[in-house]
Amino acid sequence: MTQLRQDIRTVSVVARIDRPWVGSDDPEVLNRLEIVTSQGRKIPFAQLGSVDTRFEEPLIKRYNRQRVLMVQADIQGAQPNDVSNALWAALASVRDSLPPGYALQMAGTIEESGKGEASIAKLQPLMVAAMLVFIMLQMRSFSGTFMVMATAPLGLIGAVLALLLFNQPFGFVALLGLTGLAGILMRNTLILTQQVADNFEAGMAAFEGVVEAAVQRARPVILTALAAVFAFIPLTFDTFWGRWRLF
């Protein structure tokens, strides 16, 4: 009908009427309606404008300010990422034939994993540099620092076996857990190597110093590892472990 100014935006004013042709299939009944003015006069609706009958969506969903049709599904007997990638490959011809202004996008766990991995990769160089500085200050030698850093990839052994055993994809959650596991391994190595160095300074032989250091540091290493394991158990019951949807 008109437009009104609201702050810095122009808002359209739309008048709607609740189906005056109930009981009839002819929308032209609107032309025979009578509008009562402020002076009490009745004016036929046809004198105020023309009637245009058309269909429209009652609810328009938007994602990132764009109109979107969302398709969601529950997966059984397969991994969501595998199904998403298979559907994405199968819809390649459909994506290529879409007219301008239309596009297919994947969301759900794939989108959220991408956001999480991007946030980690953004700060990872700074994190690694700071970690090297602190390890170097603690070990005070390049060989000791290299030994501590070399134990970080050993977490892949247990992580890969666990993912294969429970048939889980290597997503953002697995990447986050592997990063934490690498930190735990380096911390344990740092504790052990520092005790070995202290035993060597005390005059112990090489074999005896290593064995004694393993005995002395076994209890704190095992207890801290168990504490980390038990702390992650509540996360298994949280919705953080993911859902899947396709845009």
C-alpha atoms as a PDB file:
ATOM      1  CA  MET A   1       0.000   0.000   0.000  1.00  0.00           C
ATOM      2  CA  THR A   2       2.735   2.434   0.957  1.00  0.00           C
ATOM      3  CA  GLN A   3       6.180   2.610   2.521  1.00  0.00           C
ATOM      4  CA  LEU A   4       7.305   3.902   5.896  1.00  0.00           C
ATOM      5  CA  ARG A   5      10.725   4.992   7.124  1.00  0.00           C
ATOM      6  CA  GLN A   6      12.196   3.025  10.046  1.00  0.00           C
ATOM      7  CA  ASP A   7      15.630   4.271  11.130  1.00  0.00           C
ATOM      8  CA  ILE A   8      17.765   3.787   8.009  1.00  0.00           C
ATOM      9  CA  ARG A   9      15.428   1.295   6.321  1.00  0.00           C
ATOM     10  CA  THR A  10      12.313   1.636   4.211  1.00  0.00           C
ATOM     11  CA  VAL A  11       9.568  -0.738   5.326  1.00  0.00           C
ATOM     12  CA  SER A  12       6.710  -1.720   3.009  1.00  0.00           C
ATOM     13  CA  VAL A  13       3.173  -1.631   4.407  1.00  0.00           C
ATOM     14  CA  VAL A  14       1.113  -4.592   3.208  1.00  0.00           C
ATOM     15  CA  ALA A  15      -2.604  -4.968   3.865  1.00  0.00           C
ATOM     16  CA  ARG A  16      -4.030  -8.459   4.150  1.00  0.00           C
ATOM     17  CA  ILE A  17      -7.598  -9.683   4.458  1.00  0.00           C
ATOM     18  CA  ASP A  18      -8.647 -13.041   5.875  1.00  0.00           C
ATOM     19  CA  ARG A  19     -10.265 -14.828   2.875  1.00  0.00           C
ATOM     20  CA  PRO A  20     -13.534 -12.968   2.385  1.00  0.00           C
ATOM     21  CA  TRP A  21     -14.561 -15.519  -0.257  1.00  0.00           C
ATOM     22  CA  VAL A  22     -14.922 -18.399   2.213  1.00  0.00           C
ATOM     23  CA  GLY A  23     -17.484 -20.746   0.709  1.00  0.00           C
ATOM     24  CA  SER A  24     -16.623 -19.536  -2.786  1.00  0.00           C
ATOM     25  CA  ASP A  25     -13.664 -20.312  -5.053  1.00  0.00           C
ATOM     26  CA  ASP A  26     -13.824 -16.898  -6.753  1.00  0.00           C
ATOM     27  CA  PRO A  27     -11.328 -14.330  -5.374  1.00  0.00           C
ATOM     28  CA  GLU A  28     -13.120 -11.687  -7.403  1.00  0.00           C
ATOM     29  CA  VAL A  29     -15.442 -11.369  -4.420  1.00  0.00           C
ATOM     30  CA  LEU A  30     -12.912  -8.765  -3.265  1.00  0.00           C
ATOM     31  CA  ASN A  31     -14.121  -6.376  -5.965  1.00  0.00           C
ATOM     32  CA  ARG A  32     -17.599  -6.417  -4.423  1.00  0.00           C
ATOM     33  CA  LEU A  33     -16.415  -5.568  -0.932  1.00  0.00           C
ATOM     34  CA  GLU A  34     -17.366  -2.214   0.528  1.00  0.00           C
ATOM     35  CA  ILE A  35     -14.868  -0.167   2.525  1.00  0.00           C
ATOM     36  CA  VAL A  36     -16.185   2.171   5.220  1.00  0.00           C
ATOM     37  CA  THR A  37     -14.358   5.505   5.306  1.00  0.00           C
ATOM     38  CA  SER A  38     -13.771   7.750   8.329  1.00  0.00           C
ATOM     39  CA  GLN A  39     -16.831   9.799   7.275  1.00  0.00           C
ATOM     40  CA  GLY A  40     -19.010   6.701   7.336  1.00  0.00           C
ATOM     41  CA  ARG A  41     -19.333   6.406   3.559  1.00  0.00           C
ATOM     42  CA  LYS A  42     -19.104   3.038   1.833  1.00  0.00           C
ATOM     43  CA  ILE A  43     -16.790   2.796  -1.164  1.00  0.00           C
ATOM     44  CA  PRO A  44     -16.548  -0.283  -3.399  1.00  0.00           C
ATOM     45  CA  PHE A  45     -13.142  -1.915  -3.175  1.00  0.00           C
ATOM     46  CA  ALA A  46     -12.879  -1.849  -6.989  1.00  0.00           C
ATOM     47  CA  GLN A  47     -12.565   1.961  -6.850  1.00  0.00           C
ATOM     48  CA  LEU A  48      -9.461   1.757  -4.669  1.00  0.00           C
ATOM     49  CA  GLY A  49      -7.385  -0.584  -6.799  1.00  0.00           C
ATOM     50  CA  SER A  50      -7.255  -3.743  -8.856  1.00  0.00           C
ATOM     51  CA  VAL A  51      -7.195  -7.303  -7.570  1.00  0.00           C
ATOM     52  CA  ASP A  52      -4.246  -9.472  -8.577  1.00  0.00           C
ATOM     53  CA  THR A  53      -4.485 -13.137  -7.580  1.00  0.00           C
ATOM     54  CA  ARG A  54      -1.164 -14.945  -7.183  1.00  0.00           C
ATOM     55  CA  PHE A  55       0.433 -17.596  -4.972  1.00  0.00           C
ATOM     56  CA  GLU A  56       3.323 -17.038  -2.613  1.00  0.00           C
ATOM     57  CA  GLU A  57       5.271 -18.954  -0.006  1.00  0.00           C
ATOM     58  CA  PRO A  58       3.788 -18.458   3.484  1.00  0.00           C
ATOM     59  CA  LEU A  59       7.235 -18.810   5.072  1.00  0.00           C
ATOM     60  CA  ILE A  60      10.524 -17.912   3.421  1.00  0.00           C
ATOM     61  CA  LYS A  61      13.587 -19.370   5.131  1.00  0.00           C
ATOM     62  CA  ARG A  62      16.912 -17.615   4.799  1.00  0.00           C
ATOM     63  CA  TYR A  63      20.488 -18.633   5.496  1.00  0.00           C
ATOM     64  CA  ASN A  64      23.206 -15.962   5.442  1.00  0.00           C
ATOM     65  CA  ARG A  65      20.541 -13.556   4.105  1.00  0.00           C
ATOM     66  CA  GLN A  66      19.792 -15.794   1.139  1.00  0.00           C
ATOM     67  CA  ARG A  67      16.643 -17.781   0.444  1.00  0.00           C
ATOM     68  CA  VAL A  68      17.251 -21.434   1.143  1.00  0.00           C
ATOM     69  CA  LEU A  69      15.508 -24.781   0.901  1.00  0.00           C
ATOM     70  CA  MET A  70      16.919 -27.026   3.603  1.00  0.00           C
ATOM     71  CA  VAL A  71      17.098 -30.813   3.268  1.00  0.00           C
ATOM     72  CA  GLN A  72      17.821 -32.803   6.428  1.00  0.00           C
ATOM     73  CA  ALA A  73      18.252 -36.536   6.934  1.00  0.00           C
ATOM     74  CA  ASP A  74      19.150 -39.084   9.580  1.00  0.00           C
ATOM     75  CA  ILE A  75      21.811 -41.586   8.574  1.00  0.00           C
ATOM     76  CA  GLN A  76      21.747 -45.254   9.592  1.00  0.00           C
ATOM     77  CA  GLY A  77      24.408 -47.822   8.858  1.00  0.00           C
ATOM     78  CA  ALA A  78      26.889 -45.288   7.421  1.00  0.00           C
ATOM     79  CA  GLN A  79      28.945 -42.251   8.342  1.00  0.00           C
ATOM     80  CA  PRO A  80      27.342 -38.833   7.706  1.00  0.00           C
ATOM     81  CA  ASN A  81      30.481 -37.465   6.052  1.00  0.00           C
ATOM     82  CA  ASP A  82      30.679 -40.438   3.688  1.00  0.00           C
ATOM     83  CA  VAL A  83      27.028 -40.084   2.694  1.00  0.00           C
ATOM     84  CA  SER A  84      27.402 -36.326   2.238  1.00  0.00           C
ATOM     85  CA  ASN A  85      30.441 -36.732  -0.005  1.00  0.00           C
ATOM     86  CA  ALA A  86      28.694 -39.451  -2.043  1.00  0.00           C
ATOM     87  CA  LEU A  87      25.613 -37.253  -2.539  1.00  0.00           C
ATOM     88  CA  TRP A  88      27.776 -34.276  -3.402  1.00  0.00           C
ATOM     89  CA  ALA A  89      29.508 -36.284  -6.135  1.00  0.00           C
ATOM     90  CA  ALA A  90      26.185 -37.647  -7.435  1.00  0.00           C
ATOM     91  CA  LEU A  91      24.741 -34.123  -7.653  1.00  0.00           C
ATOM     92  CA  ALA A  92      27.635 -32.785  -9.727  1.00  0.00           C
ATOM     93  CA  SER A  93      25.532 -32.664 -12.911  1.00  0.00           C
ATOM     94  CA  VAL A  94      22.700 -30.932 -11.051  1.00  0.00           C
ATOM     95  CA  ARG A  95      25.053 -28.276  -9.689  1.00  0.00           C
ATOM     96  CA  ASP A  96      26.449 -27.586 -13.149  1.00  0.00           C
ATOM     97  CA  SER A  97      22.977 -27.178 -14.671  1.00  0.00           C
ATOM     98  CA  LEU A  98      21.573 -24.786 -12.066  1.00  0.00           C
ATOM     99  CA  PRO A  99      20.540 -21.360 -13.401  1.00  0.00           C
ATOM    100  CA  PRO A 100      22.303 -18.189 -12.202  1.00  0.00           C
ATOM    101  CA  GLY A 101      21.416 -17.285  -8.643  1.00  0.00           C
ATOM    102  CA  TYR A 102      20.924 -20.895  -7.500  1.00  0.00           C
ATOM    103  CA  ALA A 103      23.499 -23.082  -5.766  1.00  0.00           C
ATOM    104  CA  LEU A 104      23.836 -26.214  -3.643  1.00  0.00           C
ATOM    105  CA  GLN A 105      25.761 -26.085  -0.375  1.00  0.00           C
ATOM    106  CA  MET A 106      26.593 -28.654   2.262  1.00  0.00           C
ATOM    107  CA  ALA A 107      26.167 -27.824   5.926  1.00  0.00           C
ATOM    108  CA  GLY A 108      25.811 -29.883   9.093  1.00  0.00           C
ATOM    109  CA  THR A 109      28.903 -31.597  10.426  1.00  0.00           C
ATOM    110  CA  ILE A 110      30.930 -30.867   7.292  1.00  0.00           C
ATOM    111  CA  GLU A 111      30.359 -27.126   7.517  1.00  0.00           C
ATOM    112  CA  GLU A 112      30.901 -26.966  11.266  1.00  0.00           C
ATOM    113  CA  SER A 113      34.028 -29.128  10.996  1.00  0.00           C
ATOM    114  CA  GLY A 114      35.382 -26.772   8.361  1.00  0.00           C
ATOM    115  CA  LYS A 115      34.790 -23.763  10.612  1.00  0.00           C
ATOM    116  CA  GLY A 116      36.438 -25.496  13.553  1.00  0.00           C
ATOM    117  CA  GLU A 117      39.441 -26.641  11.532  1.00  0.00           C
ATOM    118  CA  ALA A 118      39.860 -23.157  10.071  1.00  0.00           C
ATOM    119  CA  SER A 119      39.867 -21.613  13.551  1.00  0.00           C
ATOM    120  CA  ILE A 120      42.489 -24.131  14.705  1.00  0.00           C
ATOM    121  CA  ALA A 121      44.676 -23.644  11.627  1.00  0.00           C
ATOM    122  CA  LYS A 122      44.554 -19.877  12.116  1.00  0.00           C
ATOM    123  CA  LEU A 123      46.273 -20.016  15.521  1.00  0.00           C
ATOM    124  CA  GLN A 124      48.220 -23.247  15.072  1.00  0.00           C
ATOM    125  CA  PRO A 125      51.517 -21.637  13.921  1.00  0.00           C
ATOM    126  CA  LEU A 126      51.518 -19.337  16.958  1.00  0.00           C
ATOM    127  CA  MET A 127      50.643 -22.261  19.232  1.00  0.00           C
ATOM    128  CA  VAL A 128      53.468 -24.422  17.848  1.00  0.00           C
ATOM    129  CA  ALA A 129      55.979 -21.584  18.127  1.00  0.00           C
ATOM    130  CA  ALA A 130      55.038 -20.878  21.750  1.00  0.00           C
ATOM    131  CA  MET A 131      55.177 -24.588  22.541  1.00  0.00           C
ATOM    132  CA  LEU A 132      58.676 -24.885  21.066  1.00  0.00           C
ATOM    133  CA  VAL A 133      59.858 -21.914  23.098  1.00  0.00           C
ATOM    134  CA  PHE A 134      58.597 -23.363  26.378  1.00  0.00           C
ATOM    135  CA  ILE A 135      59.973 -26.834  25.614  1.00  0.00           C
ATOM    136  CA  MET A 136      63.343 -25.322  24.713  1.00  0.00           C
ATOM    137  CA  LEU A 137      63.399 -23.342  27.967  1.00  0.00           C
ATOM    138  CA  GLN A 138      62.650 -26.513  29.907  1.00  0.00           C
ATOM    139  CA  MET A 139      65.002 -28.922  28.075  1.00  0.00           C
ATOM    140  CA  ARG A 140      67.783 -26.401  27.297  1.00  0.00           C
ATOM    141  CA  SER A 141      68.977 -28.533  24.391  1.00  0.00           C
ATOM    142  CA  PHE A 142      68.004 -29.149  20.765  1.00  0.00           C
ATOM    143  CA  SER A 143      68.234 -32.925  21.145  1.00  0.00           C
ATOM    144  CA  GLY A 144      65.862 -32.942  24.126  1.00  0.00           C
ATOM    145  CA  THR A 145      63.415 -30.645  22.335  1.00  0.00           C
ATOM    146  CA  PHE A 146      63.476 -32.879  19.265  1.00  0.00           C
ATOM    147  CA  MET A 147      62.847 -35.964  21.406  1.00  0.00           C
ATOM    148  CA  VAL A 148      59.813 -34.347  23.051  1.00  0.00           C
ATOM    149  CA  MET A 149      58.365 -33.190  19.706  1.00  0.00           C
ATOM    150  CA  ALA A 150      59.006 -36.594  18.104  1.00  0.00           C
ATOM    151  CA  THR A 151      56.596 -38.294  20.503  1.00  0.00           C
ATOM    152  CA  ALA A 152      53.601 -36.176  19.389  1.00  0.00           C
ATOM    153  CA  PRO A 153      52.774 -38.295  16.255  1.00  0.00           C
ATOM    154  CA  LEU A 154      52.709 -41.470  18.369  1.00  0.00           C
ATOM    155  CA  GLY A 155      49.136 -40.591  19.336  1.00  0.00           C
ATOM    156  CA  LEU A 156      48.056 -41.583  15.814  1.00  0.00           C
ATOM    157  CA  ILE A 157      48.520 -45.242  16.725  1.00  0.00           C
ATOM    158  CA  GLY A 158      45.774 -45.337  19.325  1.00  0.00           C
ATOM    159  CA  ALA A 159      43.603 -42.718  17.571  1.00  0.00           C
ATOM    160  CA  VAL A 160      43.473 -44.615  14.275  1.00  0.00           C
ATOM    161  CA  LEU A 161      42.736 -47.913  16.008  1.00  0.00           C
ATOM    162  CA  ALA A 162      39.927 -46.327  18.059  1.00  0.00           C
ATOM    163  CA  LEU A 163      38.323 -44.693  15.001  1.00  0.00           C
ATOM    164  CA  LEU A 164      38.463 -47.955  13.054  1.00  0.00           C
ATOM    165  CA  LEU A 165      37.147 -49.964  15.993  1.00  0.00           C
ATOM    166  CA  PHE A 166      34.104 -47.714  16.551  1.00  0.00           C
ATOM    167  CA  ASN A 167      33.662 -46.910  12.825  1.00  0.00           C
ATOM    168  CA  GLN A 168      33.897 -43.141  13.341  1.00  0.00           C
ATOM    169  CA  PRO A 169      35.037 -40.502  10.815  1.00  0.00           C
ATOM    170  CA  PHE A 170      38.097 -38.341  11.329  1.00  0.00           C
ATOM    171  CA  GLY A 171      36.225 -35.078  11.818  1.00  0.00           C
ATOM    172  CA  PHE A 172      36.687 -31.965  13.902  1.00  0.00           C
ATOM    173  CA  VAL A 173      36.113 -33.797  17.188  1.00  0.00           C
ATOM    174  CA  ALA A 174      38.759 -36.385  16.305  1.00  0.00           C
ATOM    175  CA  LEU A 175      41.180 -33.639  15.265  1.00  0.00           C
ATOM    176  CA  LEU A 176      40.575 -31.813  18.534  1.00  0.00           C
ATOM    177  CA  GLY A 177      41.130 -34.988  20.526  1.00  0.00           C
ATOM    178  CA  LEU A 178      44.287 -35.833  18.579  1.00  0.00           C
ATOM    179  CA  THR A 179      45.673 -32.361  19.270  1.00  0.00           C
ATOM    180  CA  GLY A 180      45.026 -32.785  22.986  1.00  0.00           C
ATOM    181  CA  LEU A 181      46.535 -36.284  22.900  1.00  0.00           C
ATOM    182  CA  ALA A 182      49.696 -34.928  21.267  1.00  0.00           C
ATOM    183  CA  GLY A 183      50.002 -32.387  24.084  1.00  0.00           C
ATOM    184  CA  ILE A 184      49.597 -35.094  26.723  1.00  0.00           C
ATOM    185  CA  LEU A 185      52.277 -37.252  25.090  1.00  0.00           C
ATOM    186  CA  MET A 186      54.753 -34.383  24.888  1.00  0.00           C
ATOM    187  CA  ARG A 187      54.064 -33.446  28.501  1.00  0.00           C
ATOM    188  CA  ASN A 188      54.690 -37.034  29.630  1.00  0.00           C
ATOM    189  CA  THR A 189      57.894 -37.187  27.594  1.00  0.00           C
ATOM    190  CA  LEU A 190      58.993 -33.869  29.057  1.00  0.00           C
ATOM    191  CA  ILE A 191      58.428 -35.149  32.592  1.00  0.00           C
ATOM    192  CA  LEU A 192      60.265 -38.410  31.894  1.00  0.00           C
ATOM    193  CA  THR A 193      63.246 -36.898  30.088  1.00  0.00           C
ATOM    194  CA  GLN A 194      63.685 -34.279  32.792  1.00  0.00           C
ATOM    195  CA  GLN A 195      63.814 -37.014  35.438  1.00  0.00           C
ATOM    196  CA  VAL A 196      66.309 -38.967  33.312  1.00  0.00           C
ATOM    197  CA  ALA A 197      68.518 -35.860  33.094  1.00  0.00           C
ATOM    198  CA  ASP A 198      68.292 -35.368  36.867  1.00  0.00           C
ATOM    199  CA  ASN A 199      69.306 -39.023  37.425  1.00  0.00           C
ATOM    200  CA  PHE A 200      72.296 -38.630  35.118  1.00  0.00           C
ATOM    201  CA  GLU A 201      73.392 -35.532  37.038  1.00  0.00           C
ATOM    202  CA  ALA A 202      73.108 -37.590  40.260  1.00  0.00           C
ATOM    203  CA  GLY A 203      75.721 -40.005  38.882  1.00  0.00           C
ATOM    204  CA  MET A 204      73.521 -42.923  37.817  1.00  0.00           C
ATOM    205  CA  ALA A 205      74.470 -45.103  34.867  1.00  0.00           C
ATOM    206  CA  ALA A 206      72.525 -44.733  31.627  1.00  0.00           C
ATOM    207  CA  PHE A 207      70.417 -47.896  31.928  1.00  0.00           C
ATOM    208  CA  GLU A 208      69.817 -47.502  35.648  1.00  0.00           C
ATOM    209  CA  GLY A 209      68.929 -43.814  35.273  1.00  0.00           C
ATOM    210  CA  VAL A 210      66.333 -44.483  32.550  1.00  0.00           C
ATOM    211  CA  VAL A 211      64.719 -47.381  34.445  1.00  0.00           C
ATOM    212  CA  GLU A 212      64.614 -45.432  37.706  1.00  0.00           C
ATOM    213  CA  ALA A 213      63.096 -42.399  35.961  1.00  0.00           C
ATOM    214  CA  ALA A 214      60.340 -44.582  34.427  1.00  0.00           C
ATOM    215  CA  VAL A 215      59.550 -46.021  37.882  1.00  0.00           C
ATOM    216  CA  GLN A 216      59.534 -42.612  39.567  1.00  0.00           C
ATOM    217  CA  ARG A 217      57.330 -40.910  36.963  1.00  0.00           C
ATOM    218  CA  ALA A 218      54.950 -43.786  36.184  1.00  0.00           C
ATOM    219  CA  ARG A 219      52.368 -42.895  38.836  1.00  0.00           C
ATOM    220  CA  PRO A 220      51.970 -39.161  38.025  1.00  0.00           C
ATOM    221  CA  VAL A 221      51.865 -39.890  34.280  1.00  0.00           C
ATOM    222  CA  ILE A 222      49.208 -42.602  34.641  1.00  0.00           C
ATOM    223  CA  LEU A 223      47.078 -40.545  37.035  1.00  0.00           C
ATOM    224  CA  THR A 224      47.081 -37.436  34.826  1.00  0.00           C
ATOM    225  CA  ALA A 225      46.263 -39.561  31.764  1.00  0.00           C
ATOM    226  CA  LEU A 226      43.316 -41.187  33.550  1.00  0.00           C
ATOM    227  CA  ALA A 227      42.095 -37.774  34.680  1.00  0.00           C
ATOM    228  CA  ALA A 228      42.073 -36.586  31.069  1.00  0.00           C
ATOM    229  CA  VAL A 229      40.237 -39.738  29.922  1.00  0.00           C
ATOM    230  CA  PHE A 230      37.533 -39.434  32.585  1.00  0.00           C
ATOM    231  CA  ALA A 231      37.112 -35.714  31.835  1.00  0.00           C
ATOM    232  CA  PHE A 232      36.215 -36.466  28.193  1.00  0.00           C
ATOM    233  CA  ILE A 233      33.586 -39.105  29.044  1.00  0.00           C
ATOM    234  CA  PRO A 234      30.740 -36.554  29.637  1.00  0.00           C
ATOM    235  CA  LEU A 235      31.281 -35.176  26.111  1.00  0.00           C
ATOM    236  CA  THR A 236      30.122 -38.479  24.625  1.00  0.00           C
ATOM    237  CA  PHE A 237      26.558 -37.704  25.784  1.00  0.00           C
ATOM    238  CA  ASP A 238      26.538 -34.163  24.362  1.00  0.00           C
ATOM    239  CA  THR A 239      25.039 -33.027  21.025  1.00  0.00           C
ATOM    240  CA  PHE A 240      28.453 -31.574  20.213  1.00  0.00           C
ATOM    241  CA  TRP A 241      29.238 -34.877  18.491  1.00  0.00           C
ATOM    242  CA  GLY A 242      27.293 -33.671  15.482  1.00  0.00           C
ATOM    243  CA  ARG A 243      24.305 -33.715  13.140  1.00  0.00           C
ATOM    244  CA  TRP A 244      24.113 -33.686   9.361  1.00  0.00           C
ATOM    245  CA  ARG A 245      22.137 -31.582   6.923  1.00  0.00           C
ATOM    246  CA  LEU A 246      22.451 -30.580   3.281  1.00  0.00           C
ATOM    247  CA  PHE A 247      21.613 -27.186   1.798  1.00  0.00           C
END
